[in-house]
C-alpha atoms as a PDB file:
ATOM      1  CA  MET A   1      12.848 -55.241 -80.102  1.00  0.00           C
ATOM      2  CA  LEU A   2      16.619 -55.103 -79.971  1.00  0.00           C
ATOM      3  CA  GLY A   3      16.559 -51.351 -80.520  1.00  0.00           C
ATOM      4  CA  ASN A   4      14.305 -50.851 -77.504  1.00  0.00           C
ATOM      5  CA  LEU A   5      16.489 -53.057 -75.320  1.00  0.00           C
ATOM      6  CA  ILE A   6      19.647 -51.242 -76.345  1.00  0.00           C
ATOM      7  CA  GLY A   7      17.884 -47.899 -75.911  1.00  0.00           C
ATOM      8  CA  GLY A   8      16.843 -48.861 -72.395  1.00  0.00           C
ATOM      9  CA  PHE A   9      20.390 -49.813 -71.465  1.00  0.00           C
ATOM     10  CA  ILE A  10      21.745 -46.576 -72.938  1.00  0.00           C
ATOM     11  CA  VAL A  11      19.221 -44.530 -70.961  1.00  0.00           C
ATOM     12  CA  VAL A  12      20.255 -46.297 -67.754  1.00  0.00           C
ATOM     13  CA  LEU A  13      23.980 -45.885 -68.483  1.00  0.00           C
ATOM     14  CA  VAL A  14      23.707 -42.182 -69.301  1.00  0.00           C
ATOM     15  CA  GLY A  15      21.465 -41.573 -66.291  1.00  0.00           C
ATOM     16  CA  ALA A  16      23.831 -43.428 -63.972  1.00  0.00           C
ATOM     17  CA  ASN A  17      26.721 -41.311 -65.220  1.00  0.00           C
ATOM     18  CA  LEU A  18      24.751 -38.111 -64.650  1.00  0.00           C
ATOM     19  CA  ILE A  19      23.594 -38.899 -61.101  1.00  0.00           C
ATOM     20  CA  GLY A  20      26.871 -37.659 -59.614  1.00  0.00           C
ATOM     21  CA  THR A  21      26.614 -34.357 -61.463  1.00  0.00           C
ATOM     22  CA  VAL A  22      22.987 -33.915 -60.456  1.00  0.00           C
ATOM     23  CA  ALA A  23      23.808 -34.667 -56.808  1.00  0.00           C
ATOM     24  CA  ASP A  24      26.689 -32.160 -56.840  1.00  0.00           C
ATOM     25  CA  GLU A  25      24.502 -29.436 -58.309  1.00  0.00           C
ATOM     26  CA  ILE A  26      21.731 -30.130 -55.803  1.00  0.00           C
ATOM     27  CA  LYS A  27      24.239 -29.861 -52.947  1.00  0.00           C
ATOM     28  CA  ALA A  28      25.530 -26.573 -54.368  1.00  0.00           C
ATOM     29  CA  ALA A  29      21.971 -25.264 -54.608  1.00  0.00           C
ATOM     30  CA  GLN A  30      21.280 -26.238 -50.995  1.00  0.00           C
ATOM     31  CA  ASP A  31      24.312 -24.274 -49.800  1.00  0.00           C
ATOM     32  CA  GLY A  32      22.544 -21.082 -50.826  1.00  0.00           C
ATOM     33  CA  ASN A  33      19.653 -19.415 -49.046  1.00  0.00           C
ATOM     34  CA  VAL A  34      17.346 -22.461 -49.040  1.00  0.00           C
ATOM     35  CA  THR A  35      15.771 -23.557 -45.769  1.00  0.00           C
ATOM     36  CA  GLY A  36      12.912 -25.631 -44.425  1.00  0.00           C
ATOM     37  CA  ALA A  37      10.620 -27.553 -46.728  1.00  0.00           C
ATOM     38  CA  SER A  38      12.314 -26.141 -49.825  1.00  0.00           C
ATOM     39  CA  SER A  39      15.613 -27.683 -48.776  1.00  0.00           C
ATOM     40  CA  THR A  40      13.944 -31.025 -48.115  1.00  0.00           C
ATOM     41  CA  ILE A  41      12.221 -31.099 -51.485  1.00  0.00           C
ATOM     42  CA  LEU A  42      15.420 -30.008 -53.212  1.00  0.00           C
ATOM     43  CA  GLY A  43      17.257 -32.855 -51.482  1.00  0.00           C
ATOM     44  CA  LEU A  44      14.747 -35.354 -52.874  1.00  0.00           C
ATOM     45  CA  THR A  45      15.422 -34.245 -56.447  1.00  0.00           C
ATOM     46  CA  THR A  46      18.293 -36.723 -56.827  1.00  0.00           C
ATOM     47  CA  ILE A  47      16.025 -39.593 -55.801  1.00  0.00           C
ATOM     48  CA  PHE A  48      13.338 -38.485 -58.248  1.00  0.00           C
ATOM     49  CA  PHE A  49      15.959 -38.249 -60.998  1.00  0.00           C
ATOM     50  CA  ALA A  50      17.158 -41.783 -60.262  1.00  0.00           C
ATOM     51  CA  LEU A  51      13.590 -43.115 -60.198  1.00  0.00           C
ATOM     52  CA  GLY A  52      12.831 -41.420 -63.511  1.00  0.00           C
ATOM     53  CA  ILE A  53      15.908 -42.880 -65.166  1.00  0.00           C
ATOM     54  CA  MET A  54      15.124 -46.319 -63.812  1.00  0.00           C
ATOM     55  CA  SER A  55      11.488 -46.263 -64.847  1.00  0.00           C
ATOM     56  CA  SER A  56      12.219 -44.999 -68.356  1.00  0.00           C
ATOM     57  CA  GLY A  57      14.884 -47.666 -68.874  1.00  0.00           C
ATOM     58  CA  VAL A  58      12.579 -50.405 -67.630  1.00  0.00           C
ATOM     59  CA  ALA A  59       9.697 -49.109 -69.753  1.00  0.00           C
ATOM     60  CA  LEU A  60      11.845 -49.180 -72.900  1.00  0.00           C
ATOM     61  CA  ALA A  61      13.107 -52.682 -72.135  1.00  0.00           C
ATOM     62  CA  VAL A  62       9.640 -54.043 -71.350  1.00  0.00           C
ATOM     63  CA  GLY A  63       8.263 -52.400 -74.494  1.00  0.00           C
ATOM     64  CA  GLY A  64      10.902 -54.170 -76.558  1.00  0.00           C
ATOM     65  CA  LEU A  65      10.187 -57.508 -74.910  1.00  0.00           C
ATOM     66  CA  ARG A  66       6.439 -57.005 -75.326  1.00  0.00           C
ATOM     67  CA  SER A  67       6.806 -56.289 -79.033  1.00  0.00           C
ATOM     68  CA  ALA A  68       8.776 -59.524 -79.363  1.00  0.00           C
ATOM     69  CA  GLY A  69       6.051 -61.435 -77.547  1.00  0.00           C
ATOM     70  CA  LEU A  70       8.197 -62.401 -74.565  1.00  0.00           C
ATOM     71  CA  VAL A  71       6.193 -60.477 -71.962  1.00  0.00           C
END
């Protein structure tokens, strides 16, 4: 249980630290020859990254709480 909770917090912390780097790289990629729908989808990549980090952290935490019988 405690391992899953700590793992969830570590995933969130590492993901939060990487969001700036991901956003910078996405902006650099958009400065190239990317237009239209491709640029829009590329711009949404940062949001999808943040949602993935959040959902994996929550899933690990809930799994730890479920194994302890708290959820």
